[in-house]
Protein backbone atom coordinates (compact mmCIF):
# COMPACT_ATOMS: atom_id res chain seq x y z
CA UNK A 1 74.32 121.34 174.03
CA UNK A 2 76.68 118.65 172.94
CA UNK A 3 75.38 115.32 171.78
CA UNK A 4 77.25 112.29 173.01
CA UNK A 5 77.78 109.50 170.51
CA UNK A 6 77.70 105.91 171.47
CA UNK A 7 81.22 104.34 171.50
CA UNK A 8 80.00 101.26 169.60
CA UNK A 9 78.72 103.43 166.73
CA UNK A 10 82.07 105.20 166.48
CA UNK A 11 83.87 101.85 166.44
CA UNK A 12 81.54 100.59 163.69
CA UNK A 13 82.14 103.71 161.59
CA UNK A 14 85.89 103.31 162.06
CA UNK A 15 85.73 99.67 160.97
CA UNK A 16 83.77 100.60 157.84
CA UNK A 17 86.32 103.27 156.97
CA UNK A 18 89.21 100.83 157.49
CA UNK A 19 87.53 98.21 155.31
CA UNK A 20 86.99 100.70 152.51
CA UNK A 21 90.62 101.83 152.73
CA UNK A 22 91.79 98.21 152.50
CA UNK A 23 89.60 97.60 149.45
CA UNK A 24 90.84 100.76 147.75
CA UNK A 25 94.46 99.83 148.49
CA UNK A 26 93.81 96.37 147.07
CA UNK A 27 92.37 97.91 143.90
CA UNK A 28 95.49 100.08 143.59
CA UNK A 29 97.95 97.25 144.06
CA UNK A 30 96.00 94.82 141.88
CA UNK A 31 96.62 97.09 138.88
CA UNK A 32 99.99 98.49 139.94
CA UNK A 33 103.01 97.41 137.89
CA UNK A 34 106.25 98.40 139.59
CA UNK A 35 108.34 96.98 136.74
CA UNK A 36 106.97 99.52 134.28
CA UNK A 37 105.53 102.73 135.78
CA UNK A 38 104.37 103.85 132.34
CA UNK A 39 102.10 100.84 131.97
CA UNK A 40 101.07 100.80 135.64
CA UNK A 41 97.35 101.26 136.22
CA UNK A 42 97.33 101.56 140.03
CA UNK A 43 95.44 104.84 140.11
CA UNK A 44 92.96 103.38 137.66
CA UNK A 45 92.13 100.85 140.40
CA UNK A 46 91.43 103.72 142.79
CA UNK A 47 89.21 105.33 140.14
CA UNK A 48 87.41 102.01 139.72
CA UNK A 49 86.67 101.88 143.45
CA UNK A 50 85.48 105.49 143.35
CA UNK A 51 83.15 104.73 140.43
CA UNK A 52 81.67 101.79 142.34
CA UNK A 53 81.17 103.93 145.45
CA UNK A 54 79.41 106.56 143.31
CA UNK A 55 77.18 103.79 141.92
CA UNK A 56 76.35 102.59 145.43
CA UNK A 57 75.58 106.13 146.60
CA UNK A 58 73.36 106.76 143.58
CA UNK A 59 71.54 103.45 144.08
CA UNK A 60 70.96 104.17 147.77
CA UNK A 61 69.57 107.58 146.85
CA UNK A 62 67.22 106.13 144.24
CA UNK A 63 66.04 103.38 146.59
CA UNK A 64 65.41 105.81 149.42
CA UNK A 65 63.56 108.12 147.05
CA UNK A 66 61.22 105.28 146.12
CA UNK A 67 60.59 104.42 149.76
CA UNK A 68 62.95 101.56 150.51
CA UNK A 69 63.94 101.26 154.15
CA UNK A 70 67.68 101.36 154.81
CA UNK A 71 68.66 98.76 157.38
CA UNK A 72 71.93 97.65 158.92
CA UNK A 73 71.77 94.58 156.69
CA UNK A 74 71.75 96.83 153.63
CA UNK A 75 75.17 98.25 154.57
CA UNK A 76 76.63 94.92 153.50
CA UNK A 77 75.54 95.82 149.97
CA UNK A 78 78.39 98.33 149.81
CA UNK A 79 81.01 95.60 150.10
CA UNK A 80 79.18 93.17 147.85
CA UNK A 81 78.77 95.72 145.08
CA UNK A 82 82.38 96.86 145.54
CA UNK A 83 83.44 93.29 144.80
CA UNK A 84 81.18 93.03 141.75
CA UNK A 85 82.18 96.46 140.46
CA UNK A 86 85.90 95.96 140.95
CA UNK A 87 85.64 92.63 139.18
CA UNK A 88 84.04 94.42 136.21
CA UNK A 89 86.79 97.04 136.27
CA UNK A 90 89.52 94.38 136.42
CA UNK A 91 87.94 92.60 133.44
CA UNK A 92 87.94 95.87 131.48
CA UNK A 93 91.56 96.59 132.47
CA UNK A 94 92.56 93.04 131.54
CA UNK A 95 90.97 93.41 128.13
CA UNK A 96 92.74 96.72 127.66
CA UNK A 97 96.03 95.08 128.66
CA UNK A 98 95.44 92.40 126.05
CA UNK A 99 95.00 95.16 123.47
CA UNK A 100 98.24 96.73 124.65
CA UNK A 101 100.09 94.49 122.19
CA UNK A 102 98.74 96.74 119.46
CA UNK A 103 100.26 99.77 121.19
CA UNK A 104 103.22 99.89 118.79
CA UNK A 105 100.85 99.97 115.83
CA UNK A 106 98.77 102.66 117.51
CA UNK A 107 101.90 104.74 118.18
CA UNK A 108 102.95 104.42 114.51
CA UNK A 109 99.49 105.54 113.41
CA UNK A 110 99.66 108.60 115.67
CA UNK A 111 103.19 109.44 114.51
CA UNK A 112 101.91 109.04 110.96
CA UNK A 113 99.34 111.77 111.55
CA UNK A 114 96.30 109.85 112.81
CA UNK A 115 94.08 111.58 115.34
CA UNK A 116 94.98 110.51 118.90
CA UNK A 117 91.32 110.55 119.97
CA UNK A 118 90.35 108.21 117.13
CA UNK A 119 93.20 105.81 117.92
CA UNK A 120 92.28 105.81 121.62
CA UNK A 121 88.59 105.29 120.81
CA UNK A 122 89.44 102.31 118.60
CA UNK A 123 91.57 100.82 121.39
CA UNK A 124 88.75 101.23 123.93
CA UNK A 125 86.29 99.75 121.44
CA UNK A 126 88.52 96.67 121.01
CA UNK A 127 88.84 96.28 124.78
CA UNK A 128 85.10 96.66 125.38
CA UNK A 129 84.32 94.25 122.56
CA UNK A 130 86.34 91.68 124.50
CA UNK A 131 85.17 92.58 128.02
CA UNK A 132 81.63 93.80 127.37
CA UNK A 133 79.83 90.47 126.99
CA UNK A 134 81.35 89.08 130.18
CA UNK A 135 80.44 92.17 132.20
CA UNK A 136 76.95 92.26 130.73
CA UNK A 137 76.16 88.62 131.51
CA UNK A 138 77.43 88.77 135.09
CA UNK A 139 75.66 92.07 135.77
CA UNK A 140 72.33 90.86 134.35
CA UNK A 141 72.62 87.61 136.31
CA UNK A 142 73.40 89.43 139.55
CA UNK A 143 70.64 91.97 138.93
CA UNK A 144 68.03 89.27 138.27
CA UNK A 145 69.08 87.32 141.37
CA UNK A 146 68.73 90.40 143.56
CA UNK A 147 65.41 91.40 142.01
CA UNK A 148 64.11 87.89 142.72
CA UNK A 149 65.39 88.16 146.28
CA UNK A 150 63.61 91.47 146.77
CA UNK A 151 60.24 89.68 146.58
CA UNK A 152 60.81 87.97 149.93
CA UNK A 153 58.58 88.67 152.90
CA UNK A 154 61.51 89.37 155.24
CA UNK A 155 61.91 93.18 155.29
CA UNK A 156 65.69 93.26 155.92
CA UNK A 157 66.40 90.85 153.05
CA UNK A 158 63.93 92.66 150.81
CA UNK A 159 65.73 95.98 151.41
CA UNK A 160 69.16 94.38 151.01
CA UNK A 161 68.22 92.80 147.68
CA UNK A 162 66.56 96.00 146.44
CA UNK A 163 69.66 98.05 147.25
CA UNK A 164 71.92 95.43 145.64
CA UNK A 165 69.79 95.22 142.48
CA UNK A 166 69.79 98.99 142.07
CA UNK A 167 73.51 99.20 142.84
CA UNK A 168 74.44 96.43 140.38
CA UNK A 169 72.43 98.11 137.62
CA UNK A 170 73.92 101.53 138.39
CA UNK A 171 77.40 100.04 138.62
CA UNK A 172 77.04 98.38 135.21
CA UNK A 173 75.96 101.67 133.65
CA UNK A 174 78.81 103.60 135.27
CA UNK A 175 81.46 100.95 134.52
CA UNK A 176 80.57 100.91 130.82
CA UNK A 177 80.40 104.70 130.54
CA UNK A 178 82.25 106.62 133.27
CA UNK A 179 85.02 104.11 134.09
CA UNK A 180 85.75 103.40 130.43
CA UNK A 181 86.11 107.16 129.90
CA UNK A 182 88.72 107.33 132.65
C-alpha cells in the first residue's frame, strides 16, 4: 500500500531545503572573490556549511542517544548553529586572509627548499593564533547560555537549548579541527 503524505509536511520540507540552499549559497558568495580566482575561497564557504551541518547532525544524534526529545522547536537549532558556525568559519578565513600578506615569503621559503607541509602548518598556526581566542570565547559563551537554558521547566525550550548546546560544542570542535584541515 502507498502511504499518502500530508501536503503541509511536504511544503515544510521544501522550505527547509530552500533555506539551507540559500545559506550555502550565501557562504559561497561571502568568500568568493571574482577579481582573483586563485585567492577565491567560495568553495571553502560551502565546506564550512557542510562542517556545520555535520556538527548539527552529530549533536542531534548524541542528544537523541541520551534521551532528549526532538521537537519542532528544536529544528530552529539548525539555522541558529549554522549562523554561529559560519561566523566561526568566516573569522578563521578572515584571519587566514590577513596572513596572506606573508604568502610571498612563504612562496620564497618553498622555492628555497622548505617543506610545503611545514610552511602551510605555520600559516594555519598564525591564522588560528589570531582567530582562535575569538572563536573560543564566543563558543563558550553560547554553550553556557544554552546549557543554562536547558534547565528550564518548559520541555520544548529545554530540548531546544540542549540541542543547541551540544551543537555549539560539536561545531567548535569540528571548526578547530576538521574545517581548519580543509
